Amino acid sequence: MFGTLIPESNSCVIASGNNSCNINFSWSITNPEGATTAITANEMTDVNLSGSSGNQSLPVPYLSSPRIFYLYNNAKSLVPTSESPNGSGVTVTSDCVSGTSWNGSICIVFSPTATLTASPRTIVIGSSSVLTWSSTNTTSCTGTGFDTGGATSDNATVSPLSTTTYSIVCTGPGGQAIDQATVTVTTADNVPIFKED
């Protein structure tokens, strides 16, 4: 008795909101010893098959590392063989679609965050302040009143002539996040200078 197990693909991508993706397997068994045939992998439930050959679409859960799939008949491993349990197994991987991450149950799009700070927050006219921004779950950031170059985290020096509120918009698969920081400008005698609307 021997068998073959061939996946249509060795990897699949899990869509957002789901916990598995499907891979089609072709299998065949020559001289099966019993009626019970199954495909399985570590930490997966056996999928029972019927007949000595066929095609079966299997749901593949999120796999943090490649997983070896097995073909059994009558409780004997045919792929890999019971004589060579570490050889010629069918290795399959799965991962969340780009822009999503595994949260322990499903693939989800994480909401973006953005933080913008000014240091110092108050300057004397003619001086400078450093704007520093950071973000999570984003692919690009755009500043109002300063140039980010699209970077999701960095810093930029500004020298406003009057009190100015700067803002940043960071964009990712889960949407946009916005934050602001105000640089207060004063004269030498510490009287704030405000910008007219």
Protein backbone atom coordinates (compact mmCIF):
# COMPACT_ATOMS: atom_id res chain seq x y z
CA MET A 1 0.00 0.00 0.00
CA PHE A 2 1.29 3.43 -0.89
CA GLY A 3 -0.20 6.85 -1.56
CA THR A 4 0.37 10.30 -3.02
CA LEU A 5 -0.76 13.68 -1.75
CA ILE A 6 -0.37 16.76 -3.96
CA PRO A 7 -1.58 20.24 -3.00
CA GLU A 8 -2.74 22.64 -5.71
CA SER A 9 -0.63 25.23 -3.88
CA ASN A 10 1.75 25.08 -0.92
CA SER A 11 0.37 28.30 0.56
CA CYS A 12 -2.82 30.29 0.82
CA VAL A 13 -3.88 33.72 2.05
CA ILE A 14 -6.52 34.27 4.72
CA ALA A 15 -8.93 37.11 4.01
CA SER A 16 -9.71 39.78 6.60
CA GLY A 17 -12.29 38.58 9.11
CA ASN A 18 -11.54 34.90 8.49
CA ASN A 19 -9.49 32.26 10.30
CA SER A 20 -8.60 29.94 7.42
CA CYS A 21 -8.12 29.67 3.66
CA ASN A 22 -8.70 26.72 1.34
CA ILE A 23 -6.21 24.57 -0.53
CA ASN A 24 -7.27 21.82 -2.90
CA PHE A 25 -5.45 18.49 -2.44
CA SER A 26 -5.29 15.63 -4.96
CA TRP A 27 -4.72 12.23 -3.41
CA SER A 28 -4.59 8.59 -4.39
CA ILE A 29 -3.95 5.28 -2.63
CA THR A 30 -2.82 2.07 -4.27
CA ASN A 31 -4.07 -1.13 -2.61
CA PRO A 32 -5.73 0.54 0.39
CA GLU A 33 -5.97 -1.70 3.45
CA GLY A 34 -9.09 -0.13 4.91
CA ALA A 35 -12.02 2.14 4.21
CA THR A 36 -10.82 4.90 6.55
CA THR A 37 -8.69 7.46 4.72
CA ALA A 38 -7.87 10.91 6.06
CA ILE A 39 -5.75 14.01 5.52
CA THR A 40 -4.48 15.77 8.60
CA ALA A 41 -1.76 17.99 10.05
CA ASN A 42 -0.54 18.74 13.54
CA GLU A 43 -3.17 20.52 15.64
CA MET A 44 -5.77 20.04 12.89
CA THR A 45 -8.86 17.85 12.86
CA ASP A 46 -8.69 14.86 10.51
CA VAL A 47 -10.59 15.28 7.25
CA ASN A 48 -12.06 11.93 6.21
CA LEU A 49 -11.93 10.97 2.54
CA SER A 50 -13.85 8.39 0.54
CA GLY A 51 -12.56 6.12 -2.19
CA SER A 52 -8.99 5.43 -3.24
CA SER A 53 -8.41 8.74 -5.05
CA GLY A 54 -9.92 12.16 -5.53
CA ASN A 55 -9.71 15.87 -4.82
CA GLN A 56 -10.52 17.53 -1.54
CA SER A 57 -10.58 21.22 -0.64
CA LEU A 58 -9.31 21.67 2.90
CA PRO A 59 -9.62 24.70 5.17
CA VAL A 60 -6.11 25.59 6.32
CA PRO A 61 -6.03 27.59 9.56
CA TYR A 62 -3.55 30.36 10.28
CA LEU A 63 -0.12 28.75 10.59
CA SER A 64 2.63 30.64 12.37
CA SER A 65 5.09 28.20 10.79
CA PRO A 66 4.93 25.69 7.90
CA ARG A 67 2.88 22.60 8.67
CA ILE A 68 3.33 19.05 7.30
CA PHE A 69 0.15 17.45 5.99
CA TYR A 70 -0.29 13.68 6.17
CA LEU A 71 -2.27 11.12 4.21
CA TYR A 72 -3.50 8.12 6.22
CA ASN A 73 -5.25 4.89 5.41
CA ASN A 74 -6.33 2.41 8.04
CA ALA A 75 -4.42 4.49 10.65
CA LYS A 76 -1.15 4.12 8.69
CA SER A 77 0.76 7.12 7.40
CA LEU A 78 1.27 6.96 3.64
CA VAL A 79 2.59 10.50 3.12
CA PRO A 80 5.08 10.66 4.74
CA THR A 81 5.40 6.88 5.07
CA SER A 82 5.33 5.26 8.47
CA GLU A 83 8.82 3.91 7.72
CA SER A 84 10.11 7.44 7.05
CA PRO A 85 7.94 9.71 9.21
CA ASN A 86 10.21 12.72 8.67
CA GLY A 87 10.51 12.42 4.91
CA SER A 88 8.63 13.70 1.87
CA GLY A 89 5.69 15.22 3.70
CA VAL A 90 3.53 17.88 2.08
CA THR A 91 4.44 21.23 3.66
CA VAL A 92 1.80 23.97 3.59
CA THR A 93 1.76 27.53 4.93
CA SER A 94 -0.93 30.14 5.41
CA ASP A 95 -0.87 33.77 6.46
CA CYS A 96 -3.12 36.79 6.78
CA VAL A 97 -3.66 38.89 3.67
CA SER A 98 -1.43 41.95 3.39
CA GLY A 99 -2.60 44.80 5.60
CA THR A 100 -4.06 42.51 8.26
CA SER A 101 -2.65 40.67 11.26
CA TRP A 102 -3.59 37.60 13.29
CA ASN A 103 -5.26 38.53 16.59
CA GLY A 104 -5.38 34.98 17.92
CA SER A 105 -8.77 34.20 16.37
CA ILE A 106 -9.04 35.87 12.96
CA CYS A 107 -7.12 38.08 10.56
CA ILE A 108 -8.09 41.69 11.23
CA VAL A 109 -7.16 45.17 10.07
CA PHE A 110 -5.72 47.04 13.03
CA SER A 111 -6.72 50.69 13.44
CA PRO A 112 -3.89 53.15 12.83
CA THR A 113 -2.53 55.49 15.49
CA ALA A 114 -0.59 58.74 15.16
CA THR A 115 1.25 60.90 17.67
CA LEU A 116 2.72 64.36 17.04
CA THR A 117 4.71 66.33 19.63
CA ALA A 118 6.60 69.62 19.63
CA SER A 119 9.75 70.25 21.65
CA PRO A 120 9.93 72.85 22.95
CA ARG A 121 6.27 73.77 22.80
CA THR A 122 7.01 77.43 23.41
CA ILE A 123 9.76 79.34 21.60
CA VAL A 124 10.98 82.91 21.29
CA ILE A 125 10.40 84.35 17.83
CA GLY A 126 13.32 83.43 15.59
CA SER A 127 13.97 80.14 17.42
CA SER A 128 13.06 76.60 16.35
CA SER A 129 11.05 73.67 17.62
CA VAL A 130 11.33 70.01 16.66
CA LEU A 131 8.19 68.19 15.61
CA THR A 132 8.39 64.45 16.25
CA TRP A 133 5.80 62.01 14.97
CA SER A 134 5.24 58.28 15.21
CA SER A 135 2.49 55.93 14.12
CA THR A 136 1.39 52.32 14.16
CA ASN A 137 -0.40 50.22 11.52
CA THR A 138 0.22 52.87 8.88
CA THR A 139 1.91 53.07 5.51
CA SER A 140 2.41 56.84 5.16
CA CYS A 141 1.99 60.13 7.02
CA THR A 142 1.35 63.66 5.70
CA GLY A 143 1.99 66.83 7.66
CA THR A 144 0.22 70.19 7.53
CA GLY A 145 2.72 73.03 7.85
CA PHE A 146 5.74 70.73 7.61
CA ASP A 147 7.04 68.01 5.30
CA THR A 148 7.05 64.37 6.42
CA GLY A 149 8.33 62.90 3.17
CA GLY A 150 5.67 60.24 3.69
CA ALA A 151 7.58 58.70 6.60
CA THR A 152 5.52 56.97 9.28
CA SER A 153 7.90 58.21 11.99
CA ASP A 154 10.57 60.91 12.00
CA ASN A 155 11.12 64.50 13.05
CA ALA A 156 11.25 67.91 11.41
CA THR A 157 12.42 71.32 12.54
CA VAL A 158 10.04 74.28 12.26
CA SER A 159 10.55 78.00 12.92
CA PRO A 160 7.12 79.63 12.96
CA LEU A 161 6.87 83.42 13.25
CA SER A 162 3.62 83.17 15.19
CA THR A 163 1.81 80.56 17.26
CA THR A 164 1.05 77.68 14.90
CA THR A 165 -0.85 74.41 15.21
CA TYR A 166 0.63 71.61 13.13
CA SER A 167 -1.21 68.44 12.27
CA ILE A 168 -0.37 65.02 10.91
CA VAL A 169 -2.53 62.49 9.09
CA CYS A 170 -1.28 58.90 8.97
CA THR A 171 -2.97 56.40 6.68
CA GLY A 172 -3.03 52.60 6.84
CA PRO A 173 -5.22 49.67 5.78
CA GLY A 174 -7.53 50.36 8.74
CA GLY A 175 -8.12 54.03 7.92
CA GLN A 176 -6.59 57.31 9.08
CA ALA A 177 -5.29 58.69 12.37
CA ILE A 178 -4.81 62.40 13.09
CA ASP A 179 -2.91 64.29 15.77
CA GLN A 180 -1.93 67.91 16.38
CA ALA A 181 0.76 69.86 18.19
CA THR A 182 0.89 73.62 18.81
CA VAL A 183 4.09 75.68 18.92
CA THR A 184 3.53 78.90 20.87
CA VAL A 185 5.70 81.81 19.74
CA THR A 186 6.59 84.64 22.14
CA THR A 187 8.59 87.84 21.92
CA ALA A 188 11.67 88.41 24.03
CA ASP A 189 9.48 89.81 26.81
CA ASN A 190 7.39 86.59 26.76
CA VAL A 191 4.27 88.11 25.22
CA PRO A 192 2.74 85.36 22.98
CA ILE A 193 2.35 86.13 19.30
CA PHE A 194 -0.83 84.70 17.81
CA LYS A 195 -1.56 84.17 14.19
CA GLU A 196 -4.62 85.95 12.81
CA ASP A 197 -7.25 83.82 11.11
